[in-house]
N, C-alpha and C. Protein backbone atom coordinates (compact mmCIF):
# COMPACT_ATOMS: atom_id res chain seq x y z
N MET A 1 0.85 -1.17 0.00
CA MET A 1 0.00 0.00 0.00
C MET A 1 0.89 1.23 0.00
N SER A 2 0.62 2.18 -0.91
CA SER A 2 1.44 3.38 -1.01
C SER A 2 1.15 4.32 0.16
N ILE A 3 2.04 5.26 0.37
CA ILE A 3 1.87 6.23 1.44
C ILE A 3 0.61 7.06 1.19
N ARG A 4 0.37 7.43 -0.07
CA ARG A 4 -0.83 8.21 -0.40
C ARG A 4 -2.10 7.44 -0.05
N SER A 5 -2.13 6.15 -0.36
CA SER A 5 -3.30 5.33 -0.03
C SER A 5 -3.50 5.23 1.47
N MET A 6 -2.39 5.10 2.21
CA MET A 6 -2.49 5.03 3.66
C MET A 6 -3.01 6.34 4.23
N LEU A 7 -2.56 7.48 3.68
CA LEU A 7 -3.03 8.78 4.16
C LEU A 7 -4.51 8.95 3.90
N PHE A 8 -4.98 8.54 2.71
CA PHE A 8 -6.41 8.64 2.42
C PHE A 8 -7.21 7.72 3.33
N ALA A 9 -6.71 6.51 3.57
CA ALA A 9 -7.42 5.59 4.46
C ALA A 9 -7.51 6.18 5.87
N LEU A 10 -6.42 6.77 6.34
CA LEU A 10 -6.42 7.41 7.65
C LEU A 10 -7.40 8.58 7.70
N ALA A 11 -7.38 9.42 6.66
CA ALA A 11 -8.28 10.58 6.63
C ALA A 11 -9.74 10.14 6.63
N PHE A 12 -10.07 9.12 5.82
CA PHE A 12 -11.45 8.66 5.78
C PHE A 12 -11.83 7.99 7.09
N GLY A 13 -10.89 7.34 7.76
CA GLY A 13 -11.16 6.76 9.07
C GLY A 13 -11.49 7.81 10.10
N ILE A 14 -10.73 8.89 10.08
CA ILE A 14 -10.99 9.99 11.01
C ILE A 14 -12.35 10.61 10.73
N VAL A 15 -12.66 10.82 9.46
CA VAL A 15 -13.95 11.40 9.10
C VAL A 15 -15.09 10.52 9.55
N SER A 16 -14.94 9.21 9.42
CA SER A 16 -16.03 8.31 9.81
C SER A 16 -16.25 8.30 11.32
N LEU A 17 -15.24 8.68 12.08
CA LEU A 17 -15.38 8.72 13.53
C LEU A 17 -16.04 10.00 14.03
N THR A 18 -16.01 11.07 13.22
CA THR A 18 -16.63 12.32 13.65
C THR A 18 -18.12 12.27 13.40
N ALA A 19 -18.86 12.89 14.29
CA ALA A 19 -20.33 12.89 14.18
C ALA A 19 -20.77 13.80 13.04
N ALA A 20 -21.65 13.30 12.21
CA ALA A 20 -22.19 14.11 11.12
C ALA A 20 -23.28 15.00 11.69
N ARG A 21 -23.25 16.28 11.34
CA ARG A 21 -24.24 17.23 11.81
C ARG A 21 -24.99 17.78 10.61
N ALA A 22 -26.28 17.61 10.62
CA ALA A 22 -27.09 18.13 9.53
C ALA A 22 -27.09 19.66 9.56
N GLU A 23 -26.96 20.24 10.74
CA GLU A 23 -27.04 21.69 10.86
C GLU A 23 -25.73 22.40 10.54
N GLY A 24 -24.63 21.70 10.51
CA GLY A 24 -23.38 22.39 10.18
C GLY A 24 -22.14 21.63 10.56
N LEU A 25 -21.06 22.33 10.44
CA LEU A 25 -19.73 21.77 10.65
C LEU A 25 -19.01 22.65 11.67
N ARG A 26 -18.17 22.06 12.48
CA ARG A 26 -17.36 22.82 13.43
C ARG A 26 -15.96 22.99 12.86
N PRO A 27 -15.22 24.01 13.32
CA PRO A 27 -13.85 24.18 12.83
C PRO A 27 -13.02 22.90 13.01
N MET A 28 -12.26 22.57 11.99
CA MET A 28 -11.36 21.40 11.96
C MET A 28 -12.09 20.06 11.99
N GLU A 29 -13.40 20.05 11.87
CA GLU A 29 -14.17 18.81 11.82
C GLU A 29 -14.27 18.39 10.36
N GLY A 30 -13.83 17.18 10.04
CA GLY A 30 -13.85 16.70 8.67
C GLY A 30 -15.24 16.28 8.21
N LYS A 31 -15.53 16.51 6.94
CA LYS A 31 -16.80 16.13 6.34
C LYS A 31 -16.50 15.45 5.01
N SER A 32 -17.08 14.27 4.78
CA SER A 32 -16.89 13.55 3.52
C SER A 32 -17.53 14.30 2.38
N ILE A 33 -16.84 14.30 1.24
CA ILE A 33 -17.35 14.89 0.01
C ILE A 33 -17.43 13.77 -1.02
N ASP A 34 -18.59 13.62 -1.66
CA ASP A 34 -18.76 12.58 -2.68
C ASP A 34 -19.34 13.21 -3.94
N LEU A 35 -18.54 13.24 -5.00
CA LEU A 35 -18.97 13.79 -6.28
C LEU A 35 -18.94 12.69 -7.35
N GLY A 36 -19.36 11.50 -6.98
CA GLY A 36 -19.32 10.37 -7.92
C GLY A 36 -17.94 9.74 -7.90
N GLU A 37 -17.22 9.85 -9.01
CA GLU A 37 -15.88 9.26 -9.09
C GLU A 37 -14.84 10.05 -8.32
N ILE A 38 -15.15 11.27 -7.96
CA ILE A 38 -14.24 12.12 -7.19
C ILE A 38 -14.78 12.26 -5.77
N SER A 39 -13.91 12.03 -4.79
CA SER A 39 -14.35 12.13 -3.39
C SER A 39 -13.18 12.61 -2.54
N GLY A 40 -13.49 12.94 -1.30
CA GLY A 40 -12.46 13.42 -0.39
C GLY A 40 -13.07 13.94 0.89
N ILE A 41 -12.38 14.89 1.51
CA ILE A 41 -12.84 15.47 2.76
C ILE A 41 -12.71 16.98 2.71
N ALA A 42 -13.53 17.66 3.55
CA ALA A 42 -13.46 19.12 3.66
C ALA A 42 -13.49 19.49 5.14
N TYR A 43 -12.84 20.60 5.47
CA TYR A 43 -12.88 21.14 6.83
C TYR A 43 -12.66 22.65 6.70
N TYR A 44 -12.80 23.37 7.80
CA TYR A 44 -12.49 24.80 7.76
C TYR A 44 -11.80 25.23 9.04
N THR A 45 -11.09 26.36 8.92
CA THR A 45 -10.46 26.99 10.08
C THR A 45 -10.93 28.44 10.14
N VAL A 46 -10.93 29.00 11.32
CA VAL A 46 -11.33 30.39 11.51
C VAL A 46 -10.07 31.25 11.51
N GLU A 47 -10.01 32.20 10.58
CA GLU A 47 -8.86 33.10 10.45
C GLU A 47 -9.37 34.54 10.49
N ARG A 48 -8.48 35.50 10.58
CA ARG A 48 -8.87 36.92 10.63
C ARG A 48 -9.64 37.36 9.40
N ASP A 49 -9.25 36.86 8.23
CA ASP A 49 -9.87 37.32 6.99
C ASP A 49 -11.10 36.52 6.58
N GLY A 50 -11.53 35.56 7.39
CA GLY A 50 -12.71 34.76 7.09
C GLY A 50 -12.50 33.30 7.46
N PHE A 51 -13.45 32.48 7.09
CA PHE A 51 -13.35 31.04 7.34
C PHE A 51 -12.67 30.40 6.14
N HIS A 52 -11.54 29.75 6.37
CA HIS A 52 -10.78 29.09 5.30
C HIS A 52 -11.30 27.66 5.15
N VAL A 53 -12.00 27.41 4.06
CA VAL A 53 -12.54 26.09 3.75
C VAL A 53 -11.51 25.36 2.88
N VAL A 54 -11.16 24.14 3.29
CA VAL A 54 -10.18 23.34 2.56
C VAL A 54 -10.82 22.02 2.18
N ALA A 55 -10.83 21.70 0.89
CA ALA A 55 -11.33 20.41 0.42
C ALA A 55 -10.19 19.71 -0.31
N THR A 56 -9.90 18.48 0.10
CA THR A 56 -8.89 17.66 -0.57
C THR A 56 -9.63 16.52 -1.25
N LEU A 57 -9.47 16.44 -2.57
CA LEU A 57 -10.24 15.50 -3.39
C LEU A 57 -9.31 14.69 -4.28
N ALA A 58 -9.79 13.51 -4.72
CA ALA A 58 -9.05 12.68 -5.66
C ALA A 58 -10.03 11.79 -6.40
N GLN A 59 -9.62 11.33 -7.58
CA GLN A 59 -10.45 10.41 -8.35
C GLN A 59 -9.99 9.00 -8.03
N GLY A 60 -10.80 8.25 -7.29
CA GLY A 60 -10.46 6.89 -6.90
C GLY A 60 -9.24 6.86 -6.01
N GLU A 61 -8.73 5.66 -5.76
CA GLU A 61 -7.54 5.52 -4.91
C GLU A 61 -6.26 5.88 -5.64
N ALA A 62 -6.25 5.73 -6.96
CA ALA A 62 -5.03 5.96 -7.73
C ALA A 62 -4.92 7.39 -8.24
N GLY A 63 -5.99 8.16 -8.13
CA GLY A 63 -5.97 9.53 -8.65
C GLY A 63 -5.08 10.45 -7.84
N LYS A 64 -4.49 11.41 -8.51
CA LYS A 64 -3.64 12.38 -7.84
C LYS A 64 -4.52 13.34 -7.04
N PRO A 65 -4.29 13.48 -5.74
CA PRO A 65 -5.12 14.37 -4.93
C PRO A 65 -4.88 15.84 -5.29
N PHE A 66 -5.93 16.62 -5.14
CA PHE A 66 -5.81 18.06 -5.33
C PHE A 66 -6.60 18.75 -4.23
N ARG A 67 -6.22 19.98 -3.96
CA ARG A 67 -6.81 20.73 -2.85
C ARG A 67 -7.44 22.01 -3.38
N VAL A 68 -8.63 22.31 -2.86
CA VAL A 68 -9.34 23.55 -3.17
C VAL A 68 -9.47 24.32 -1.87
N VAL A 69 -9.05 25.59 -1.88
CA VAL A 69 -9.14 26.44 -0.69
C VAL A 69 -9.96 27.67 -1.05
N SER A 70 -10.91 28.00 -0.19
CA SER A 70 -11.76 29.16 -0.40
C SER A 70 -11.93 29.87 0.94
N VAL A 71 -11.89 31.19 0.92
CA VAL A 71 -12.11 31.98 2.13
C VAL A 71 -13.53 32.54 2.06
N LEU A 72 -14.35 32.18 3.06
CA LEU A 72 -15.75 32.59 3.06
C LEU A 72 -16.03 33.65 4.12
N ALA A 73 -16.65 34.73 3.68
CA ALA A 73 -17.20 35.75 4.58
C ALA A 73 -18.65 35.36 4.84
N PRO A 74 -19.31 35.96 5.84
CA PRO A 74 -20.72 35.63 6.08
C PRO A 74 -21.57 35.81 4.81
N GLY A 75 -22.41 34.81 4.53
CA GLY A 75 -23.29 34.86 3.36
C GLY A 75 -22.69 34.31 2.08
N GLN A 76 -21.41 33.99 2.08
CA GLN A 76 -20.78 33.46 0.87
C GLN A 76 -20.84 31.94 0.83
N ARG A 77 -20.63 31.39 -0.38
CA ARG A 77 -20.63 29.94 -0.56
C ARG A 77 -19.66 29.56 -1.66
N VAL A 78 -19.30 28.29 -1.66
CA VAL A 78 -18.50 27.71 -2.73
C VAL A 78 -19.18 26.40 -3.12
N ILE A 79 -19.22 26.13 -4.43
CA ILE A 79 -19.84 24.90 -4.92
C ILE A 79 -18.78 24.06 -5.60
N LEU A 80 -18.71 22.79 -5.20
CA LEU A 80 -17.80 21.83 -5.82
C LEU A 80 -18.64 20.90 -6.67
N SER A 81 -18.28 20.76 -7.95
CA SER A 81 -19.04 19.89 -8.84
C SER A 81 -18.12 19.32 -9.90
N THR A 82 -18.65 18.36 -10.65
CA THR A 82 -17.92 17.77 -11.76
C THR A 82 -18.70 18.00 -13.05
N PRO A 83 -18.03 17.97 -14.20
CA PRO A 83 -18.75 18.16 -15.46
C PRO A 83 -19.78 17.06 -15.74
N GLN A 84 -19.62 15.90 -15.14
CA GLN A 84 -20.53 14.79 -15.36
C GLN A 84 -21.87 14.98 -14.64
N GLN A 85 -22.01 16.05 -13.87
CA GLN A 85 -23.26 16.34 -13.15
C GLN A 85 -23.67 15.20 -12.23
N GLU A 86 -22.71 14.48 -11.65
CA GLU A 86 -23.02 13.38 -10.73
C GLU A 86 -23.37 13.90 -9.35
N GLY A 87 -23.47 15.16 -9.22
CA GLY A 87 -23.77 15.75 -7.94
C GLY A 87 -22.91 16.96 -7.71
N ALA A 88 -23.30 17.76 -6.78
CA ALA A 88 -22.54 18.94 -6.42
C ALA A 88 -22.69 19.14 -4.92
N ILE A 89 -21.68 19.71 -4.33
CA ILE A 89 -21.69 19.99 -2.90
C ILE A 89 -21.56 21.49 -2.71
N GLU A 90 -22.43 22.06 -1.89
CA GLU A 90 -22.35 23.48 -1.55
C GLU A 90 -21.84 23.61 -0.12
N ILE A 91 -20.82 24.42 0.05
CA ILE A 91 -20.30 24.74 1.37
C ILE A 91 -20.57 26.23 1.56
N SER A 92 -21.38 26.58 2.55
CA SER A 92 -21.78 27.97 2.73
C SER A 92 -21.55 28.43 4.16
N ARG A 93 -21.39 29.74 4.30
CA ARG A 93 -21.22 30.33 5.62
C ARG A 93 -22.46 31.17 5.93
N LYS A 94 -23.10 30.84 7.03
CA LYS A 94 -24.24 31.59 7.54
C LYS A 94 -23.84 32.13 8.91
N GLY A 95 -23.44 33.40 8.97
CA GLY A 95 -22.97 33.97 10.23
C GLY A 95 -21.70 33.28 10.68
N ASP A 96 -21.74 32.64 11.85
CA ASP A 96 -20.59 31.92 12.38
C ASP A 96 -20.70 30.41 12.16
N SER A 97 -21.58 29.99 11.28
CA SER A 97 -21.77 28.56 10.99
C SER A 97 -21.38 28.24 9.56
N VAL A 98 -20.87 27.03 9.36
CA VAL A 98 -20.57 26.54 8.02
C VAL A 98 -21.47 25.33 7.78
N LEU A 99 -22.18 25.37 6.64
CA LEU A 99 -23.10 24.30 6.28
C LEU A 99 -22.60 23.59 5.04
N VAL A 100 -22.73 22.26 5.03
CA VAL A 100 -22.36 21.45 3.87
C VAL A 100 -23.61 20.69 3.45
N ARG A 101 -23.97 20.84 2.17
CA ARG A 101 -25.17 20.15 1.69
C ARG A 101 -25.02 19.84 0.21
N LYS A 102 -25.86 18.93 -0.28
CA LYS A 102 -25.92 18.66 -1.70
C LYS A 102 -26.54 19.86 -2.37
N ALA A 103 -25.97 20.26 -3.50
CA ALA A 103 -26.46 21.44 -4.22
C ALA A 103 -27.18 21.02 -5.49
N ASN A 104 -28.13 21.82 -5.88
CA ASN A 104 -28.83 21.61 -7.14
C ASN A 104 -28.09 22.40 -8.20
N THR A 105 -27.30 21.72 -9.06
CA THR A 105 -26.46 22.42 -10.04
C THR A 105 -27.28 23.13 -11.10
N ALA A 106 -28.52 22.71 -11.32
CA ALA A 106 -29.35 23.36 -12.34
C ALA A 106 -29.69 24.79 -11.97
N SER A 107 -29.76 25.08 -10.67
CA SER A 107 -30.13 26.43 -10.23
C SER A 107 -28.93 27.29 -9.91
N ASN A 108 -27.71 26.74 -10.00
CA ASN A 108 -26.51 27.49 -9.62
C ASN A 108 -25.78 28.03 -10.81
């Protein structure tokens, strides 16, 4: 097993141990992201300039991982999707809360 595979297995293990909250996410709490063939985890940290949302994604176990970072102010959102329209994930900031939900790509 490669080091990358072990890191992903560890990350997914940690995510599975954290409680899923329908109402939101806490700082540094991992949340699974599933976009069909592309999946990974997302978390955020609280910084002076906003909430830094970090999503690390890869295609399957052999895919090269990539990271998406977005800084959210209150009322802002970021949508992660694939061209295959297999789903989309919206990460939004409502005041001091961060919400992760499936997004309707047709309306975005």
